[in-house]
Amino acid sequence: LLLRALTLASTDVTWLAALSLGPDGALQGLEE
């Protein structure tokens, strides 16, 4: 569900495309 939300949100906010998800659903790469 979060991966889908991230994909949809990154179409409007392109820097979100650089994020990935950890196995527990934590956002990775946020600070960078």
PDB file of all heavy atoms in Angstrom:
ATOM      1  N   LEU A   1       0.832  -1.206   0.000  1.00  0.00           N
ATOM      2  CA  LEU A   1       0.000   0.000   0.000  1.00  0.00           C
ATOM      3  C   LEU A   1       0.870   1.261   0.000  1.00  0.00           C
ATOM      4  O   LEU A   1       0.625   2.196  -0.766  1.00  0.00           O
ATOM      5  CB  LEU A   1      -0.913  -0.013   1.227  1.00  0.00           C
ATOM      6  CG  LEU A   1      -2.015   1.034   1.257  1.00  0.00           C
ATOM      7  CD1 LEU A   1      -3.077   0.717   0.203  1.00  0.00           C
ATOM      8  CD2 LEU A   1      -2.653   1.067   2.631  1.00  0.00           C
ATOM      9  N   LEU A   2       1.895   1.267   0.816  1.00  0.00           N
ATOM     10  CA  LEU A   2       2.770   2.429   0.890  1.00  0.00           C
ATOM     11  C   LEU A   2       3.559   2.619  -0.403  1.00  0.00           C
ATOM     12  O   LEU A   2       3.735   3.749  -0.863  1.00  0.00           O
ATOM     13  CB  LEU A   2       3.725   2.330   2.077  1.00  0.00           C
ATOM     14  CG  LEU A   2       4.634   3.533   2.250  1.00  0.00           C
ATOM     15  CD1 LEU A   2       3.824   4.807   2.474  1.00  0.00           C
ATOM     16  CD2 LEU A   2       5.593   3.320   3.394  1.00  0.00           C
ATOM     17  N   LEU A   3       4.004   1.534  -0.998  1.00  0.00           N
ATOM     18  CA  LEU A   3       4.734   1.645  -2.258  1.00  0.00           C
ATOM     19  C   LEU A   3       3.848   2.259  -3.342  1.00  0.00           C
ATOM     20  O   LEU A   3       4.286   3.101  -4.118  1.00  0.00           O
ATOM     21  CB  LEU A   3       5.249   0.273  -2.699  1.00  0.00           C
ATOM     22  CG  LEU A   3       6.172   0.271  -3.914  1.00  0.00           C
ATOM     23  CD1 LEU A   3       7.391   1.164  -3.697  1.00  0.00           C
ATOM     24  CD2 LEU A   3       6.607  -1.143  -4.218  1.00  0.00           C
ATOM     25  N   ARG A   4       2.591   1.866  -3.363  1.00  0.00           N
ATOM     26  CA  ARG A   4       1.650   2.458  -4.324  1.00  0.00           C
ATOM     27  C   ARG A   4       1.450   3.945  -4.031  1.00  0.00           C
ATOM     28  O   ARG A   4       1.441   4.778  -4.936  1.00  0.00           O
ATOM     29  CB  ARG A   4       0.312   1.709  -4.292  1.00  0.00           C
ATOM     30  CG  ARG A   4      -0.696   2.236  -5.263  1.00  0.00           C
ATOM     31  CD  ARG A   4      -0.259   2.010  -6.695  1.00  0.00           C
ATOM     32  NE  ARG A   4      -1.244   2.570  -7.601  1.00  0.00           N
ATOM     33  CZ  ARG A   4      -0.956   3.099  -8.773  1.00  0.00           C
ATOM     34  NH1 ARG A   4       0.281   3.097  -9.207  1.00  0.00           N
ATOM     35  NH2 ARG A   4      -1.895   3.596  -9.525  1.00  0.00           N
ATOM     36  N   ALA A   5       1.276   4.282  -2.758  1.00  0.00           N
ATOM     37  CA  ALA A   5       1.116   5.691  -2.376  1.00  0.00           C
ATOM     38  C   ALA A   5       2.349   6.499  -2.762  1.00  0.00           C
ATOM     39  O   ALA A   5       2.245   7.625  -3.262  1.00  0.00           O
ATOM     40  CB  ALA A   5       0.844   5.801  -0.876  1.00  0.00           C
ATOM     41  N   LEU A   6       3.519   5.932  -2.549  1.00  0.00           N
ATOM     42  CA  LEU A   6       4.770   6.609  -2.889  1.00  0.00           C
ATOM     43  C   LEU A   6       4.878   6.816  -4.398  1.00  0.00           C
ATOM     44  O   LEU A   6       5.267   7.891  -4.855  1.00  0.00           O
ATOM     45  CB  LEU A   6       5.957   5.794  -2.365  1.00  0.00           C
ATOM     46  CG  LEU A   6       7.332   6.413  -2.454  1.00  0.00           C
ATOM     47  CD1 LEU A   6       7.393   7.765  -1.749  1.00  0.00           C
ATOM     48  CD2 LEU A   6       8.367   5.463  -1.860  1.00  0.00           C
ATOM     49  N   THR A   7       4.492   5.820  -5.158  1.00  0.00           N
ATOM     50  CA  THR A   7       4.520   5.935  -6.623  1.00  0.00           C
ATOM     51  C   THR A   7       3.572   7.031  -7.095  1.00  0.00           C
ATOM     52  O   THR A   7       3.933   7.858  -7.938  1.00  0.00           O
ATOM     53  CB  THR A   7       4.151   4.585  -7.269  1.00  0.00           C
ATOM     54  OG1 THR A   7       5.102   3.608  -6.855  1.00  0.00           O
ATOM     55  CG2 THR A   7       4.147   4.686  -8.783  1.00  0.00           C
ATOM     56  N   LEU A   8       2.362   7.047  -6.562  1.00  0.00           N
ATOM     57  CA  LEU A   8       1.389   8.070  -6.951  1.00  0.00           C
ATOM     58  C   LEU A   8       1.848   9.470  -6.538  1.00  0.00           C
ATOM     59  O   LEU A   8       1.747  10.419  -7.316  1.00  0.00           O
ATOM     60  CB  LEU A   8       0.031   7.762  -6.328  1.00  0.00           C
ATOM     61  CG  LEU A   8      -0.684   6.527  -6.867  1.00  0.00           C
ATOM     62  CD1 LEU A   8      -1.890   6.179  -5.992  1.00  0.00           C
ATOM     63  CD2 LEU A   8      -1.096   6.738  -8.308  1.00  0.00           C
ATOM     64  N   ALA A   9       2.352   9.595  -5.318  1.00  0.00           N
ATOM     65  CA  ALA A   9       2.774  10.914  -4.821  1.00  0.00           C
ATOM     66  C   ALA A   9       3.989  11.435  -5.586  1.00  0.00           C
ATOM     67  O   ALA A   9       4.125  12.646  -5.792  1.00  0.00           O
ATOM     68  CB  ALA A   9       3.077  10.840  -3.326  1.00  0.00           C
ATOM     69  N   SER A  10       4.862  10.544  -6.034  1.00  0.00           N
ATOM     70  CA  SER A  10       6.080  10.991  -6.721  1.00  0.00           C
ATOM     71  C   SER A  10       5.809  11.528  -8.117  1.00  0.00           C
ATOM     72  O   SER A  10       6.673  12.170  -8.705  1.00  0.00           O
ATOM     73  CB  SER A  10       7.123   9.870  -6.764  1.00  0.00           C
ATOM     74  OG  SER A  10       6.672   8.811  -7.553  1.00  0.00           O
ATOM     75  N   THR A  11       4.601  11.313  -8.647  1.00  0.00           N
ATOM     76  CA  THR A  11       4.281  11.920  -9.939  1.00  0.00           C
ATOM     77  C   THR A  11       4.107  13.430  -9.801  1.00  0.00           C
ATOM     78  O   THR A  11       4.372  14.167 -10.744  1.00  0.00           O
ATOM     79  CB  THR A  11       3.004  11.314 -10.570  1.00  0.00           C
ATOM     80  OG1 THR A  11       1.903  11.548  -9.715  1.00  0.00           O
ATOM     81  CG2 THR A  11       3.176   9.830 -10.828  1.00  0.00           C
ATOM     82  N   ASP A  12       3.679  13.881  -8.622  1.00  0.00           N
ATOM     83  CA  ASP A  12       3.528  15.320  -8.367  1.00  0.00           C
ATOM     84  C   ASP A  12       4.744  15.922  -7.669  1.00  0.00           C
ATOM     85  O   ASP A  12       5.059  17.089  -7.865  1.00  0.00           O
ATOM     86  CB  ASP A  12       2.287  15.579  -7.508  1.00  0.00           C
ATOM     87  CG  ASP A  12       0.998  15.337  -8.264  1.00  0.00           C
ATOM     88  OD1 ASP A  12       0.984  15.543  -9.496  1.00  0.00           O
ATOM     89  OD2 ASP A  12       0.005  14.942  -7.635  1.00  0.00           O
ATOM     90  N   VAL A  13       5.386  15.138  -6.835  1.00  0.00           N
ATOM     91  CA  VAL A  13       6.539  15.612  -6.064  1.00  0.00           C
ATOM     92  C   VAL A  13       7.705  14.693  -6.426  1.00  0.00           C
ATOM     93  O   VAL A  13       7.886  13.627  -5.829  1.00  0.00           O
ATOM     94  CB  VAL A  13       6.250  15.586  -4.548  1.00  0.00           C
ATOM     95  CG1 VAL A  13       7.422  16.143  -3.770  1.00  0.00           C
ATOM     96  CG2 VAL A  13       4.970  16.343  -4.223  1.00  0.00           C
ATOM     97  N   THR A  14       8.489  15.120  -7.395  1.00  0.00           N
ATOM     98  CA  THR A  14       9.478  14.232  -8.012  1.00  0.00           C
ATOM     99  C   THR A  14      10.567  13.745  -7.064  1.00  0.00           C
ATOM    100  O   THR A  14      11.069  12.643  -7.243  1.00  0.00           O
ATOM    101  CB  THR A  14      10.121  14.898  -9.232  1.00  0.00           C
ATOM    102  OG1 THR A  14      10.698  16.147  -8.835  1.00  0.00           O
ATOM    103  CG2 THR A  14       9.091  15.139 -10.321  1.00  0.00           C
ATOM    104  N   TRP A  15      10.925  14.516  -6.036  1.00  0.00           N
ATOM    105  CA  TRP A  15      12.002  14.063  -5.146  1.00  0.00           C
ATOM    106  C   TRP A  15      11.598  12.831  -4.348  1.00  0.00           C
ATOM    107  O   TRP A  15      12.460  12.089  -3.870  1.00  0.00           O
ATOM    108  CB  TRP A  15      12.500  15.184  -4.230  1.00  0.00           C
ATOM    109  CG  TRP A  15      11.547  15.664  -3.179  1.00  0.00           C
ATOM    110  CD1 TRP A  15      10.704  16.732  -3.265  1.00  0.00           C
ATOM    111  CD2 TRP A  15      11.344  15.106  -1.883  1.00  0.00           C
ATOM    112  NE1 TRP A  15       9.991  16.857  -2.109  1.00  0.00           N
ATOM    113  CE2 TRP A  15      10.371  15.884  -1.235  1.00  0.00           C
ATOM    114  CE3 TRP A  15      11.903  14.030  -1.194  1.00  0.00           C
ATOM    115  CZ2 TRP A  15       9.929  15.620   0.055  1.00  0.00           C
ATOM    116  CZ3 TRP A  15      11.466  13.770   0.100  1.00  0.00           C
ATOM    117  CH2 TRP A  15      10.489  14.555   0.711  1.00  0.00           C
ATOM    118  N   LEU A  16      10.304  12.545  -4.246  1.00  0.00           N
ATOM    119  CA  LEU A  16       9.852  11.353  -3.539  1.00  0.00           C
ATOM    120  C   LEU A  16      10.267  10.070  -4.263  1.00  0.00           C
ATOM    121  O   LEU A  16      10.374   9.013  -3.646  1.00  0.00           O
ATOM    122  CB  LEU A  16       8.329  11.367  -3.375  1.00  0.00           C
ATOM    123  CG  LEU A  16       7.760  12.384  -2.391  1.00  0.00           C
ATOM    124  CD1 LEU A  16       6.233  12.386  -2.471  1.00  0.00           C
ATOM    125  CD2 LEU A  16       8.224  12.098  -0.973  1.00  0.00           C
ATOM    126  N   ALA A  17      10.524  10.144  -5.563  1.00  0.00           N
ATOM    127  CA  ALA A  17      10.930   8.966  -6.335  1.00  0.00           C
ATOM    128  C   ALA A  17      12.264   8.403  -5.854  1.00  0.00           C
ATOM    129  O   ALA A  17      12.562   7.228  -6.105  1.00  0.00           O
ATOM    130  CB  ALA A  17      10.990   9.302  -7.814  1.00  0.00           C
ATOM    131  N   ALA A  18      13.051   9.196  -5.153  1.00  0.00           N
ATOM    132  CA  ALA A  18      14.341   8.732  -4.650  1.00  0.00           C
ATOM    133  C   ALA A  18      14.208   7.890  -3.381  1.00  0.00           C
ATOM    134  O   ALA A  18      15.171   7.275  -2.944  1.00  0.00           O
ATOM    135  CB  ALA A  18      15.260   9.932  -4.369  1.00  0.00           C
ATOM    136  N   LEU A  19      13.012   7.836  -2.806  1.00  0.00           N
ATOM    137  CA  LEU A  19      12.803   7.083  -1.572  1.00  0.00           C
ATOM    138  C   LEU A  19      12.565   5.617  -1.866  1.00  0.00           C
ATOM    139  O   LEU A  19      12.079   5.249  -2.928  1.00  0.00           O
ATOM    140  CB  LEU A  19      11.618   7.644  -0.788  1.00  0.00           C
ATOM    141  CG  LEU A  19      11.688   9.109  -0.380  1.00  0.00           C
ATOM    142  CD1 LEU A  19      10.438   9.493   0.399  1.00  0.00           C
ATOM    143  CD2 LEU A  19      12.930   9.380   0.439  1.00  0.00           C
ATOM    144  N   SER A  20      12.893   4.791  -0.883  1.00  0.00           N
ATOM    145  CA  SER A  20      12.575   3.369  -0.967  1.00  0.00           C
ATOM    146  C   SER A  20      12.020   2.943   0.386  1.00  0.00           C
ATOM    147  O   SER A  20      12.020   3.713   1.346  1.00  0.00           O
ATOM    148  CB  SER A  20      13.825   2.560  -1.331  1.00  0.00           C
ATOM    149  OG  SER A  20      14.820   2.717  -0.340  1.00  0.00           O
ATOM    150  N   LEU A  21      11.550   1.705   0.445  1.00  0.00           N
ATOM    151  CA  LEU A  21      10.970   1.190   1.679  1.00  0.00           C
ATOM    152  C   LEU A  21      11.847   0.106   2.265  1.00  0.00           C
ATOM    153  O   LEU A  21      12.320  -0.767   1.538  1.00  0.00           O
ATOM    154  CB  LEU A  21       9.579   0.601   1.416  1.00  0.00           C
ATOM    155  CG  LEU A  21       8.526   1.535   0.879  1.00  0.00           C
ATOM    156  CD1 LEU A  21       7.213   0.788   0.720  1.00  0.00           C
ATOM    157  CD2 LEU A  21       8.351   2.728   1.785  1.00  0.00           C
ATOM    158  N   GLY A  22      11.996   0.153   3.578  1.00  0.00           N
ATOM    159  CA  GLY A  22      12.659  -0.930   4.278  1.00  0.00           C
ATOM    160  C   GLY A  22      11.673  -2.067   4.480  1.00  0.00           C
ATOM    161  O   GLY A  22      10.474  -1.917   4.236  1.00  0.00           O
ATOM    162  N   PRO A  23      12.138  -3.206   4.949  1.00  0.00           N
ATOM    163  CA  PRO A  23      11.255  -4.355   5.149  1.00  0.00           C
ATOM    164  C   PRO A  23      10.125  -4.087   6.138  1.00  0.00           C
ATOM    165  O   PRO A  23       9.066  -4.694   6.064  1.00  0.00           O
ATOM    166  CB  PRO A  23      12.180  -5.449   5.679  1.00  0.00           C
ATOM    167  CG  PRO A  23      13.554  -4.929   5.604  1.00  0.00           C
ATOM    168  CD  PRO A  23      13.510  -3.483   5.262  1.00  0.00           C
ATOM    169  N   ASP A  24      10.355  -3.152   7.056  1.00  0.00           N
ATOM    170  CA  ASP A  24       9.330  -2.818   8.051  1.00  0.00           C
ATOM    171  C   ASP A  24       8.449  -1.656   7.619  1.00  0.00           C
ATOM    172  O   ASP A  24       7.621  -1.182   8.377  1.00  0.00           O
ATOM    173  CB  ASP A  24       9.978  -2.512   9.387  1.00  0.00           C
ATOM    174  CG  ASP A  24      10.894  -1.296   9.336  1.00  0.00           C
ATOM    175  OD1 ASP A  24      11.211  -0.824   8.219  1.00  0.00           O
ATOM    176  OD2 ASP A  24      11.306  -0.822  10.402  1.00  0.00           O
ATOM    177  N   GLY A  25       8.630  -1.177   6.386  1.00  0.00           N
ATOM    178  CA  GLY A  25       7.830  -0.068   5.883  1.00  0.00           C
ATOM    179  C   GLY A  25       8.410   1.301   6.174  1.00  0.00           C
ATOM    180  O   GLY A  25       7.801   2.309   5.839  1.00  0.00           O
ATOM    181  N   ALA A  26       9.570   1.343   6.778  1.00  0.00           N
ATOM    182  CA  ALA A  26      10.217   2.631   7.064  1.00  0.00           C
ATOM    183  C   ALA A  26      10.726   3.244   5.760  1.00  0.00           C
ATOM    184  O   ALA A  26      11.228   2.536   4.884  1.00  0.00           O
ATOM    185  CB  ALA A  26      11.375   2.444   8.033  1.00  0.00           C
ATOM    186  N   LEU A  27      10.564   4.553   5.645  1.00  0.00           N
ATOM    187  CA  LEU A  27      11.071   5.254   4.469  1.00  0.00           C
ATOM    188  C   LEU A  27      12.588   5.332   4.537  1.00  0.00           C
ATOM    189  O   LEU A  27      13.154   5.733   5.557  1.00  0.00           O
ATOM    190  CB  LEU A  27      10.491   6.666   4.406  1.00  0.00           C
ATOM    191  CG  LEU A  27       9.002   6.757   4.128  1.00  0.00           C
ATOM    192  CD1 LEU A  27       8.515   8.184   4.295  1.00  0.00           C
ATOM    193  CD2 LEU A  27       8.677   6.241   2.747  1.00  0.00           C
ATOM    194  N   GLN A  28      13.248   4.940   3.464  1.00  0.00           N
ATOM    195  CA  GLN A  28      14.704   4.986   3.400  1.00  0.00           C
ATOM    196  C   GLN A  28      15.141   6.011   2.378  1.00  0.00           C
ATOM    197  O   GLN A  28      14.507   6.165   1.344  1.00  0.00           O
ATOM    198  CB  GLN A  28      15.266   3.603   3.050  1.00  0.00           C
ATOM    199  CG  GLN A  28      14.956   2.576   4.109  1.00  0.00           C
ATOM    200  CD  GLN A  28      15.532   1.221   3.783  1.00  0.00           C
ATOM    201  OE1 GLN A  28      15.698   0.855   2.626  1.00  0.00           O
ATOM    202  NE2 GLN A  28      15.822   0.455   4.817  1.00  0.00           N
ATOM    203  N   GLY A  29      16.215   6.724   2.690  1.00  0.00           N
ATOM    204  CA  GLY A  29      16.746   7.739   1.797  1.00  0.00           C
ATOM    205  C   GLY A  29      16.098   9.093   1.960  1.00  0.00           C
ATOM    206  O   GLY A  29      16.293   9.987   1.150  1.00  0.00           O
ATOM    207  N   LEU A  30      15.331   9.258   3.035  1.00  0.00           N
ATOM    208  CA  LEU A  30      14.583  10.499   3.233  1.00  0.00           C
ATOM    209  C   LEU A  30      15.501  11.703   3.410  1.00  0.00           C
ATOM    210  O   LEU A  30      15.319  12.721   2.752  1.00  0.00           O
ATOM    211  CB  LEU A  30      13.646  10.360   4.428  1.00  0.00           C
ATOM    212  CG  LEU A  30      12.697  11.513   4.685  1.00  0.00           C
ATOM    213  CD1 LEU A  30      11.767  11.720   3.497  1.00  0.00           C
ATOM    214  CD2 LEU A  30      11.890  11.259   5.946  1.00  0.00           C
ATOM    215  N   GLU A  31      16.488  11.582   4.284  1.00  0.00           N
ATOM    216  CA  GLU A  31      17.377  12.726   4.538  1.00  0.00           C
ATOM    217  C   GLU A  31      18.130  13.139   3.279  1.00  0.00           C
ATOM    218  O   GLU A  31      18.258  14.322   2.988  1.00  0.00           O
ATOM    219  CB  GLU A  31      18.352  12.405   5.662  1.00  0.00           C
ATOM    220  CG  GLU A  31      17.691  12.336   7.019  1.00  0.00           C
ATOM    221  CD  GLU A  31      18.671  12.066   8.142  1.00  0.00           C
ATOM    222  OE1 GLU A  31      19.880  12.332   7.966  1.00  0.00           O
ATOM    223  OE2 GLU A  31      18.226  11.601   9.198  1.00  0.00           O
ATOM    224  N   GLU A  32      18.614  12.162   2.516  1.00  0.00           N
ATOM    225  CA  GLU A  32      19.352  12.461   1.289  1.00  0.00           C
ATOM    226  C   GLU A  32      18.448  13.094   0.237  1.00  0.00           C
ATOM    227  O   GLU A  32      18.845  14.019  -0.455  1.00  0.00           O
ATOM    228  CB  GLU A  32      19.985  11.186   0.715  1.00  0.00           C
ATOM    229  CG  GLU A  32      21.026  10.558   1.605  1.00  0.00           C
ATOM    230  CD  GLU A  32      20.431   9.615   2.664  1.00  0.00           C
ATOM    231  OE1 GLU A  32      19.185   9.459   2.735  1.00  0.00           O
ATOM    232  OE2 GLU A  32      21.212   9.056   3.443  1.00  0.00           O
TER     233      GLU A  32
END
